[in-house]
Amino acid sequence: MWKRLLTVALALCLCLCAAACGSSEGINSDINRKIGKFQTYDLHGKEVNETVFSAKDLTILTVWGTFNKSYIDKLPAVAKFAQELPENAQMILLACDVRDLESNEYKKAVNIMLGSGAEIPFIITNDTLTVFVDQFENVPTTILVDKKGRIVGSVFAGEDIAGYRTAVKEYLDGLR
């Protein structure tokens, strides 16, 4: 009896684990599907708001943290991907742990970006983006955002440049 119960419990656990690993789509199904209005700052202290998305048909938005060494190590590869994007797409990095321009985290983020040579626009979280950023359980997390600020397609946990590339192509091909 105990063996059968243990076998069923183990099988159930394996099924749940397999389902959780199978797709990046369901990382957090409660993620707000629209970013909404915000006002924040970029790497150079210039004001940025939600109209940043309207500049292109698609924005690859990665929520990252200055504490995430594996992502920082991959910034040159991420920058290369960003440079290869078609003309109607852009990439923006959103530093989740940088809340204001006076913080040590801001200085650290600037040094990381400058030191990596990655010329990718980056914005800080501040109060108007906190609710949005706090939805993500893991960083880096990458989402695709259309020109109206709506999240489209999959949500990617980790650094999945091949996955980003495929998702960008599929989305932009669907616009034609």
N, C-alpha and C. Protein backbone atom coordinates (compact mmCIF):
# COMPACT_ATOMS: atom_id res chain seq x y z
N MET A 1 0.82 -1.18 0.00
CA MET A 1 0.00 0.00 0.00
C MET A 1 0.87 1.26 0.00
N TRP A 2 1.85 1.32 0.90
CA TRP A 2 2.73 2.48 0.99
C TRP A 2 3.55 2.65 -0.27
N LYS A 3 3.99 1.53 -0.85
CA LYS A 3 4.78 1.60 -2.09
C LYS A 3 3.95 2.21 -3.22
N ARG A 4 2.70 1.78 -3.31
CA ARG A 4 1.84 2.29 -4.37
C ARG A 4 1.59 3.79 -4.17
N LEU A 5 1.30 4.20 -2.94
CA LEU A 5 1.07 5.61 -2.62
C LEU A 5 2.32 6.45 -2.90
N LEU A 6 3.47 5.95 -2.52
CA LEU A 6 4.73 6.64 -2.77
C LEU A 6 5.00 6.75 -4.27
N THR A 7 4.71 5.69 -5.02
CA THR A 7 4.91 5.70 -6.47
C THR A 7 4.00 6.73 -7.13
N VAL A 8 2.75 6.79 -6.73
CA VAL A 8 1.80 7.77 -7.28
C VAL A 8 2.26 9.19 -6.94
N ALA A 9 2.68 9.42 -5.70
CA ALA A 9 3.14 10.75 -5.28
C ALA A 9 4.39 11.16 -6.07
N LEU A 10 5.31 10.23 -6.26
CA LEU A 10 6.52 10.52 -7.02
C LEU A 10 6.18 10.84 -8.47
N ALA A 11 5.28 10.07 -9.06
CA ALA A 11 4.87 10.30 -10.45
C ALA A 11 4.22 11.67 -10.59
N LEU A 12 3.38 12.05 -9.63
CA LEU A 12 2.73 13.35 -9.64
C LEU A 12 3.77 14.47 -9.55
N CYS A 13 4.75 14.32 -8.68
CA CYS A 13 5.83 15.32 -8.55
C CYS A 13 6.61 15.45 -9.85
N LEU A 14 6.93 14.36 -10.48
CA LEU A 14 7.66 14.39 -11.75
C LEU A 14 6.85 15.09 -12.83
N CYS A 15 5.56 14.83 -12.89
CA CYS A 15 4.70 15.49 -13.87
C CYS A 15 4.67 16.99 -13.65
N LEU A 16 4.54 17.40 -12.39
CA LEU A 16 4.51 18.83 -12.08
C LEU A 16 5.83 19.50 -12.42
N CYS A 17 6.94 18.83 -12.12
CA CYS A 17 8.26 19.39 -12.45
C CYS A 17 8.44 19.51 -13.96
N ALA A 18 8.04 18.51 -14.69
CA ALA A 18 8.16 18.54 -16.14
C ALA A 18 7.31 19.65 -16.73
N ALA A 19 6.12 19.84 -16.22
CA ALA A 19 5.25 20.90 -16.72
C ALA A 19 5.84 22.28 -16.43
N ALA A 20 6.45 22.44 -15.28
CA ALA A 20 7.03 23.73 -14.91
C ALA A 20 8.23 24.07 -15.75
N CYS A 21 8.99 23.07 -16.20
CA CYS A 21 10.20 23.32 -16.97
C CYS A 21 9.92 23.41 -18.46
N GLY A 22 8.76 23.06 -18.88
CA GLY A 22 8.50 22.94 -20.30
C GLY A 22 8.35 24.23 -21.06
N SER A 23 8.00 25.34 -20.44
CA SER A 23 7.72 26.55 -21.18
C SER A 23 8.04 27.77 -20.34
N SER A 24 8.51 28.81 -21.00
CA SER A 24 8.74 30.06 -20.29
C SER A 24 7.46 30.89 -20.25
N GLU A 25 6.45 30.50 -21.00
CA GLU A 25 5.20 31.24 -21.09
C GLU A 25 4.53 31.40 -19.73
N GLY A 26 4.57 30.38 -18.89
CA GLY A 26 3.81 30.41 -17.65
C GLY A 26 4.62 30.80 -16.44
N ILE A 27 5.69 31.51 -16.60
CA ILE A 27 6.53 31.87 -15.46
C ILE A 27 5.71 32.56 -14.38
N ASN A 28 4.95 33.52 -14.76
CA ASN A 28 4.04 34.18 -13.82
C ASN A 28 2.82 34.60 -14.61
N SER A 29 1.80 33.80 -14.58
CA SER A 29 0.62 34.07 -15.40
C SER A 29 -0.15 35.30 -14.93
N ASP A 30 0.20 35.83 -13.77
CA ASP A 30 -0.47 37.01 -13.26
C ASP A 30 0.20 38.32 -13.71
N ILE A 31 1.21 38.21 -14.56
CA ILE A 31 1.90 39.42 -15.01
C ILE A 31 0.93 40.31 -15.77
N ASN A 32 0.91 41.57 -15.40
CA ASN A 32 0.07 42.55 -16.06
C ASN A 32 0.44 42.60 -17.53
N ARG A 33 -0.52 42.47 -18.41
CA ARG A 33 -0.25 42.39 -19.84
C ARG A 33 -0.06 43.76 -20.48
N LYS A 34 -0.10 44.84 -19.71
CA LYS A 34 0.17 46.18 -20.23
C LYS A 34 1.01 46.92 -19.19
N ILE A 35 2.02 47.59 -19.65
CA ILE A 35 2.92 48.26 -18.71
C ILE A 35 2.28 49.52 -18.12
N GLY A 36 1.59 50.28 -18.90
CA GLY A 36 0.92 51.48 -18.40
C GLY A 36 1.83 52.69 -18.39
N LYS A 37 1.32 53.76 -17.81
CA LYS A 37 2.07 55.02 -17.79
C LYS A 37 3.18 54.96 -16.74
N PHE A 38 4.30 55.55 -17.10
CA PHE A 38 5.40 55.67 -16.15
C PHE A 38 6.28 56.83 -16.55
N GLN A 39 7.06 57.31 -15.61
CA GLN A 39 8.06 58.33 -15.87
C GLN A 39 9.27 57.96 -15.05
N THR A 40 10.40 57.79 -15.72
CA THR A 40 11.62 57.38 -15.04
C THR A 40 12.81 58.06 -15.72
N TYR A 41 14.00 57.51 -15.52
CA TYR A 41 15.21 58.09 -16.07
C TYR A 41 16.05 57.02 -16.74
N ASP A 42 16.87 57.45 -17.69
CA ASP A 42 17.78 56.52 -18.35
C ASP A 42 19.16 56.61 -17.74
N LEU A 43 20.08 55.90 -18.34
CA LEU A 43 21.47 55.82 -17.89
C LEU A 43 22.11 57.20 -17.71
N HIS A 44 21.69 58.17 -18.53
CA HIS A 44 22.30 59.50 -18.50
C HIS A 44 21.49 60.51 -17.70
N GLY A 45 20.43 60.04 -16.99
CA GLY A 45 19.62 60.93 -16.18
C GLY A 45 18.54 61.66 -16.97
N LYS A 46 18.33 61.28 -18.21
CA LYS A 46 17.30 61.90 -19.05
C LYS A 46 15.95 61.23 -18.75
N GLU A 47 14.88 62.05 -18.69
CA GLU A 47 13.55 61.52 -18.42
C GLU A 47 13.08 60.62 -19.57
N VAL A 48 12.42 59.52 -19.19
CA VAL A 48 11.86 58.56 -20.13
C VAL A 48 10.46 58.19 -19.64
N ASN A 49 9.52 58.04 -20.57
CA ASN A 49 8.18 57.58 -20.19
C ASN A 49 7.72 56.49 -21.14
N GLU A 50 6.44 56.10 -21.00
CA GLU A 50 5.91 54.98 -21.78
C GLU A 50 5.94 55.19 -23.29
N THR A 51 6.14 56.41 -23.75
CA THR A 51 6.20 56.66 -25.20
C THR A 51 7.46 56.07 -25.81
N VAL A 52 8.40 55.63 -24.99
CA VAL A 52 9.62 55.00 -25.51
C VAL A 52 9.27 53.76 -26.34
N PHE A 53 8.16 53.11 -26.02
CA PHE A 53 7.76 51.91 -26.77
C PHE A 53 7.19 52.25 -28.14
N SER A 54 6.61 53.43 -28.29
CA SER A 54 5.97 53.79 -29.55
C SER A 54 6.97 54.06 -30.67
N ALA A 55 8.25 54.17 -30.33
CA ALA A 55 9.27 54.44 -31.34
C ALA A 55 9.48 53.27 -32.30
N LYS A 56 9.15 52.07 -31.87
CA LYS A 56 9.38 50.86 -32.68
C LYS A 56 8.15 49.95 -32.59
N ASP A 57 8.05 49.04 -33.55
CA ASP A 57 6.95 48.07 -33.52
C ASP A 57 7.08 47.11 -32.34
N LEU A 58 8.31 46.83 -31.93
CA LEU A 58 8.56 45.86 -30.87
C LEU A 58 9.75 46.29 -30.03
N THR A 59 9.59 46.14 -28.71
CA THR A 59 10.68 46.40 -27.77
C THR A 59 10.94 45.13 -26.98
N ILE A 60 12.19 44.73 -26.90
CA ILE A 60 12.60 43.62 -26.05
C ILE A 60 13.02 44.28 -24.74
N LEU A 61 12.24 44.07 -23.69
CA LEU A 61 12.48 44.71 -22.40
C LEU A 61 12.97 43.65 -21.42
N THR A 62 14.19 43.85 -20.94
CA THR A 62 14.76 42.90 -19.97
C THR A 62 14.87 43.56 -18.61
N VAL A 63 14.22 42.95 -17.63
CA VAL A 63 14.33 43.38 -16.23
C VAL A 63 15.53 42.63 -15.65
N TRP A 64 16.52 43.37 -15.20
CA TRP A 64 17.76 42.78 -14.70
C TRP A 64 18.15 43.46 -13.39
N GLY A 65 19.18 42.94 -12.75
CA GLY A 65 19.65 43.53 -11.50
C GLY A 65 21.17 43.62 -11.48
N THR A 66 21.67 44.62 -10.81
CA THR A 66 23.12 44.81 -10.72
C THR A 66 23.79 43.70 -9.92
N PHE A 67 23.00 42.90 -9.24
CA PHE A 67 23.51 41.79 -8.43
C PHE A 67 23.62 40.49 -9.23
N ASN A 68 23.17 40.49 -10.49
CA ASN A 68 23.09 39.26 -11.27
C ASN A 68 24.34 39.10 -12.14
N LYS A 69 25.36 38.47 -11.58
CA LYS A 69 26.66 38.33 -12.27
C LYS A 69 26.54 37.56 -13.58
N SER A 70 25.73 36.52 -13.63
CA SER A 70 25.65 35.74 -14.87
C SER A 70 25.08 36.59 -16.01
N TYR A 71 24.11 37.47 -15.71
CA TYR A 71 23.58 38.34 -16.77
C TYR A 71 24.61 39.39 -17.16
N ILE A 72 25.28 39.95 -16.19
CA ILE A 72 26.30 40.97 -16.46
C ILE A 72 27.39 40.38 -17.36
N ASP A 73 27.78 39.14 -17.10
CA ASP A 73 28.79 38.48 -17.93
C ASP A 73 28.32 38.29 -19.37
N LYS A 74 27.01 38.20 -19.56
CA LYS A 74 26.46 37.99 -20.90
C LYS A 74 26.09 39.29 -21.61
N LEU A 75 26.29 40.44 -20.98
CA LEU A 75 25.93 41.71 -21.59
C LEU A 75 26.55 41.93 -22.97
N PRO A 76 27.81 41.57 -23.20
CA PRO A 76 28.33 41.74 -24.57
C PRO A 76 27.54 40.94 -25.61
N ALA A 77 27.14 39.72 -25.28
CA ALA A 77 26.33 38.91 -26.21
C ALA A 77 24.94 39.52 -26.37
N VAL A 78 24.37 40.03 -25.30
CA VAL A 78 23.06 40.69 -25.36
C VAL A 78 23.17 41.94 -26.23
N ALA A 79 24.25 42.70 -26.08
CA ALA A 79 24.47 43.90 -26.89
C ALA A 79 24.60 43.56 -28.37
N LYS A 80 25.28 42.47 -28.67
CA LYS A 80 25.41 42.03 -30.06
C LYS A 80 24.04 41.70 -30.63
N PHE A 81 23.21 40.99 -29.87
CA PHE A 81 21.85 40.69 -30.29
C PHE A 81 21.08 41.99 -30.54
N ALA A 82 21.19 42.96 -29.63
CA ALA A 82 20.47 44.23 -29.77
C ALA A 82 20.89 44.97 -31.04
N GLN A 83 22.17 44.89 -31.38
CA GLN A 83 22.66 45.55 -32.60
C GLN A 83 22.14 44.87 -33.86
N GLU A 84 21.83 43.59 -33.78
CA GLU A 84 21.35 42.83 -34.94
C GLU A 84 19.85 42.94 -35.15
N LEU A 85 19.15 43.62 -34.25
CA LEU A 85 17.70 43.73 -34.38
C LEU A 85 17.32 44.48 -35.65
N PRO A 86 16.18 44.11 -36.24
CA PRO A 86 15.73 44.86 -37.41
C PRO A 86 15.39 46.30 -37.03
N GLU A 87 15.25 47.14 -38.02
CA GLU A 87 15.04 48.56 -37.80
C GLU A 87 13.79 48.89 -36.98
N ASN A 88 12.78 48.02 -37.04
CA ASN A 88 11.53 48.31 -36.34
C ASN A 88 11.46 47.64 -34.96
N ALA A 89 12.62 47.26 -34.42
CA ALA A 89 12.67 46.66 -33.08
C ALA A 89 13.80 47.32 -32.28
N GLN A 90 13.65 47.31 -30.96
CA GLN A 90 14.67 47.87 -30.07
C GLN A 90 14.75 47.05 -28.80
N MET A 91 15.84 47.23 -28.07
CA MET A 91 15.99 46.57 -26.78
C MET A 91 16.22 47.63 -25.72
N ILE A 92 15.58 47.44 -24.57
CA ILE A 92 15.75 48.33 -23.42
C ILE A 92 15.95 47.46 -22.19
N LEU A 93 16.89 47.84 -21.35
CA LEU A 93 17.12 47.14 -20.08
C LEU A 93 16.51 47.97 -18.96
N LEU A 94 15.85 47.29 -18.02
CA LEU A 94 15.22 47.94 -16.88
C LEU A 94 15.87 47.39 -15.61
N ALA A 95 16.64 48.23 -14.93
CA ALA A 95 17.36 47.81 -13.73
C ALA A 95 16.40 47.78 -12.55
N CYS A 96 16.09 46.58 -12.05
CA CYS A 96 15.07 46.42 -11.01
C CYS A 96 15.52 46.92 -9.64
N ASP A 97 16.80 46.95 -9.39
CA ASP A 97 17.28 47.36 -8.07
C ASP A 97 17.79 48.79 -8.04
N VAL A 98 17.61 49.52 -9.12
CA VAL A 98 18.01 50.92 -9.17
C VAL A 98 16.74 51.76 -9.07
N ARG A 99 16.57 52.44 -7.93
CA ARG A 99 15.33 53.16 -7.67
C ARG A 99 15.47 54.68 -7.80
N ASP A 100 16.69 55.20 -7.79
CA ASP A 100 16.86 56.64 -7.99
C ASP A 100 18.28 56.93 -8.48
N LEU A 101 18.45 58.12 -9.00
CA LEU A 101 19.73 58.52 -9.62
C LEU A 101 20.84 58.78 -8.61
N GLU A 102 20.51 58.87 -7.34
CA GLU A 102 21.50 59.15 -6.30
C GLU A 102 22.01 57.89 -5.61
N SER A 103 21.44 56.75 -5.93
CA SER A 103 21.76 55.52 -5.20
C SER A 103 23.10 54.91 -5.64
N ASN A 104 23.65 54.10 -4.75
CA ASN A 104 24.86 53.35 -5.09
C ASN A 104 24.58 52.35 -6.20
N GLU A 105 23.35 51.81 -6.24
CA GLU A 105 22.98 50.86 -7.29
C GLU A 105 23.00 51.53 -8.66
N TYR A 106 22.58 52.80 -8.72
CA TYR A 106 22.63 53.54 -9.99
C TYR A 106 24.08 53.67 -10.47
N LYS A 107 24.96 54.08 -9.56
CA LYS A 107 26.38 54.20 -9.92
C LYS A 107 26.94 52.87 -10.37
N LYS A 108 26.56 51.81 -9.67
CA LYS A 108 27.01 50.46 -10.03
C LYS A 108 26.49 50.07 -11.42
N ALA A 109 25.21 50.35 -11.69
CA ALA A 109 24.62 50.02 -12.99
C ALA A 109 25.31 50.77 -14.12
N VAL A 110 25.58 52.05 -13.90
CA VAL A 110 26.28 52.84 -14.93
C VAL A 110 27.65 52.23 -15.19
N ASN A 111 28.38 51.89 -14.12
CA ASN A 111 29.70 51.28 -14.29
C ASN A 111 29.62 49.94 -15.02
N ILE A 112 28.61 49.16 -14.71
CA ILE A 112 28.43 47.86 -15.37
C ILE A 112 28.20 48.08 -16.86
N MET A 113 27.28 48.97 -17.19
CA MET A 113 26.96 49.21 -18.60
C MET A 113 28.16 49.77 -19.35
N LEU A 114 28.82 50.75 -18.79
CA LEU A 114 29.98 51.34 -19.46
C LEU A 114 31.12 50.34 -19.56
N GLY A 115 31.33 49.56 -18.50
CA GLY A 115 32.40 48.57 -18.48
C GLY A 115 32.17 47.42 -19.45
N SER A 116 30.92 47.10 -19.71
CA SER A 116 30.62 45.98 -20.61
C SER A 116 30.71 46.38 -22.08
N GLY A 117 30.67 47.69 -22.33
CA GLY A 117 30.67 48.15 -23.72
C GLY A 117 29.31 47.97 -24.38
N ALA A 118 28.32 47.53 -23.63
CA ALA A 118 26.98 47.31 -24.17
C ALA A 118 26.26 48.65 -24.29
N GLU A 119 25.99 49.04 -25.51
CA GLU A 119 25.30 50.30 -25.73
C GLU A 119 23.81 50.04 -25.93
N ILE A 120 23.18 49.60 -24.85
CA ILE A 120 21.75 49.31 -24.86
C ILE A 120 21.09 50.33 -23.94
N PRO A 121 20.02 50.97 -24.40
CA PRO A 121 19.34 51.90 -23.50
C PRO A 121 18.92 51.19 -22.21
N PHE A 122 19.09 51.87 -21.10
CA PHE A 122 18.72 51.29 -19.82
C PHE A 122 17.99 52.33 -19.00
N ILE A 123 16.93 51.89 -18.34
CA ILE A 123 16.12 52.78 -17.50
C ILE A 123 16.09 52.22 -16.09
N ILE A 124 15.77 53.12 -15.14
CA ILE A 124 15.71 52.70 -13.74
C ILE A 124 14.26 52.47 -13.30
N THR A 125 14.10 51.80 -12.19
CA THR A 125 12.77 51.38 -11.75
C THR A 125 11.95 52.51 -11.12
N ASN A 126 12.40 53.32 -10.34
CA ASN A 126 11.70 54.35 -9.56
C ASN A 126 10.25 54.01 -9.20
N ASP A 127 9.57 54.93 -8.53
CA ASP A 127 8.23 54.65 -7.97
C ASP A 127 7.18 54.31 -9.01
N THR A 128 7.25 54.89 -10.20
CA THR A 128 6.20 54.66 -11.19
C THR A 128 6.30 53.29 -11.86
N LEU A 129 7.42 52.59 -11.69
CA LEU A 129 7.59 51.26 -12.28
C LEU A 129 7.69 50.15 -11.23
N THR A 130 7.66 50.49 -9.96
CA THR A 130 7.84 49.49 -8.91
C THR A 130 6.79 48.39 -8.97
N VAL A 131 5.52 48.74 -9.13
CA VAL A 131 4.46 47.74 -9.16
C VAL A 131 4.67 46.79 -10.34
N PHE A 132 5.06 47.34 -11.49
CA PHE A 132 5.32 46.50 -12.66
C PHE A 132 6.49 45.56 -12.40
N VAL A 133 7.60 46.08 -11.94
CA VAL A 133 8.81 45.28 -11.74
C VAL A 133 8.61 44.23 -10.65
N ASP A 134 7.87 44.57 -9.62
CA ASP A 134 7.68 43.64 -8.51
C ASP A 134 6.87 42.39 -8.89
N GLN A 135 6.31 42.37 -10.09
CA GLN A 135 5.58 41.18 -10.56
C GLN A 135 6.52 40.02 -10.90
N PHE A 136 7.78 40.34 -11.18
CA PHE A 136 8.70 39.33 -11.66
C PHE A 136 9.42 38.67 -10.50
N GLU A 137 9.35 37.35 -10.47
CA GLU A 137 9.97 36.59 -9.40
C GLU A 137 11.45 36.38 -9.64
N ASN A 138 11.87 36.38 -10.90
CA ASN A 138 13.26 36.10 -11.27
C ASN A 138 13.81 37.20 -12.16
N VAL A 139 15.09 37.44 -12.04
CA VAL A 139 15.78 38.31 -12.99
C VAL A 139 17.02 37.60 -13.46
N PRO A 140 17.39 37.76 -14.68
CA PRO A 140 16.69 38.58 -15.65
C PRO A 140 15.40 37.91 -16.14
N THR A 141 14.44 38.75 -16.47
CA THR A 141 13.21 38.32 -17.13
C THR A 141 13.05 39.24 -18.34
N THR A 142 12.76 38.66 -19.47
CA THR A 142 12.63 39.43 -20.70
C THR A 142 11.22 39.26 -21.24
N ILE A 143 10.64 40.39 -21.64
CA ILE A 143 9.32 40.39 -22.23
C ILE A 143 9.37 41.17 -23.55
N LEU A 144 8.42 40.88 -24.41
CA LEU A 144 8.27 41.63 -25.65
C LEU A 144 7.11 42.59 -25.47
N VAL A 145 7.33 43.84 -25.88
CA VAL A 145 6.35 44.90 -25.69
C VAL A 145 6.06 45.54 -27.04
N ASP A 146 4.77 45.66 -27.39
CA ASP A 146 4.43 46.30 -28.66
C ASP A 146 4.46 47.82 -28.51
N LYS A 147 4.19 48.53 -29.59
CA LYS A 147 4.31 49.99 -29.57
C LYS A 147 3.26 50.67 -28.70
N LYS A 148 2.24 49.93 -28.25
CA LYS A 148 1.22 50.48 -27.35
C LYS A 148 1.51 50.14 -25.89
N GLY A 149 2.65 49.52 -25.62
CA GLY A 149 3.02 49.18 -24.25
C GLY A 149 2.40 47.89 -23.74
N ARG A 150 1.86 47.08 -24.65
CA ARG A 150 1.27 45.79 -24.26
C ARG A 150 2.31 44.69 -24.36
N ILE A 151 2.29 43.79 -23.39
CA ILE A 151 3.18 42.64 -23.41
C ILE A 151 2.61 41.63 -24.40
N VAL A 152 3.45 41.20 -25.34
CA VAL A 152 3.02 40.25 -26.36
C VAL A 152 3.94 39.03 -26.30
N GLY A 153 3.41 37.88 -26.55
CA GLY A 153 4.24 36.67 -26.62
C GLY A 153 4.68 36.16 -25.26
N SER A 154 5.76 35.43 -25.31
CA SER A 154 6.28 34.72 -24.14
C SER A 154 7.00 35.64 -23.16
N VAL A 155 7.14 35.13 -21.95
CA VAL A 155 7.96 35.76 -20.93
C VAL A 155 9.16 34.84 -20.74
N PHE A 156 10.36 35.39 -20.85
CA PHE A 156 11.57 34.57 -20.78
C PHE A 156 12.30 34.80 -19.46
N ALA A 157 12.60 33.73 -18.75
CA ALA A 157 13.43 33.81 -17.55
C ALA A 157 14.84 33.44 -17.96
N GLY A 158 15.82 34.17 -17.44
CA GLY A 158 17.21 33.87 -17.77
C GLY A 158 17.63 34.53 -19.07
N GLU A 159 18.79 34.14 -19.53
CA GLU A 159 19.37 34.71 -20.74
C GLU A 159 19.16 33.72 -21.88
N ASP A 160 18.16 33.96 -22.72
CA ASP A 160 17.82 33.05 -23.81
C ASP A 160 17.82 33.82 -25.13
N ILE A 161 18.99 34.20 -25.59
CA ILE A 161 19.10 35.02 -26.79
C ILE A 161 18.50 34.31 -28.00
N ALA A 162 18.70 33.01 -28.12
CA ALA A 162 18.11 32.26 -29.24
C ALA A 162 16.58 32.34 -29.16
N GLY A 163 16.05 32.22 -27.97
CA GLY A 163 14.60 32.33 -27.79
C GLY A 163 14.09 33.71 -28.12
N TYR A 164 14.83 34.76 -27.70
CA TYR A 164 14.43 36.13 -28.04
C TYR A 164 14.40 36.30 -29.56
N ARG A 165 15.46 35.82 -30.20
CA ARG A 165 15.58 35.97 -31.65
C ARG A 165 14.38 35.34 -32.36
N THR A 166 14.01 34.14 -31.96
CA THR A 166 12.88 33.45 -32.57
C THR A 166 11.58 34.20 -32.31
N ALA A 167 11.36 34.63 -31.07
CA ALA A 167 10.12 35.34 -30.72
C ALA A 167 10.01 36.66 -31.46
N VAL A 168 11.11 37.38 -31.60
CA VAL A 168 11.10 38.65 -32.32
C VAL A 168 10.73 38.41 -33.78
N LYS A 169 11.37 37.43 -34.40
CA LYS A 169 11.09 37.12 -35.81
C LYS A 169 9.62 36.74 -35.99
N GLU A 170 9.11 35.86 -35.14
CA GLU A 170 7.72 35.43 -35.25
C GLU A 170 6.76 36.61 -35.09
N TYR A 171 7.02 37.48 -34.13
CA TYR A 171 6.12 38.61 -33.91
C TYR A 171 6.16 39.56 -35.09
N LEU A 172 7.36 39.92 -35.52
CA LEU A 172 7.47 40.89 -36.63
C LEU A 172 6.95 40.29 -37.94
N ASP A 173 7.15 39.00 -38.16
CA ASP A 173 6.59 38.36 -39.35
C ASP A 173 5.07 38.40 -39.32
N GLY A 174 4.48 38.32 -38.15
CA GLY A 174 3.02 38.39 -38.00
C GLY A 174 2.45 39.76 -38.30
N LEU A 175 3.29 40.79 -38.26
CA LEU A 175 2.82 42.15 -38.57
C LEU A 175 2.68 42.39 -40.06
N ARG A 176 3.34 41.55 -40.84
CA ARG A 176 3.31 41.74 -42.31
C ARG A 176 2.03 41.31 -42.92
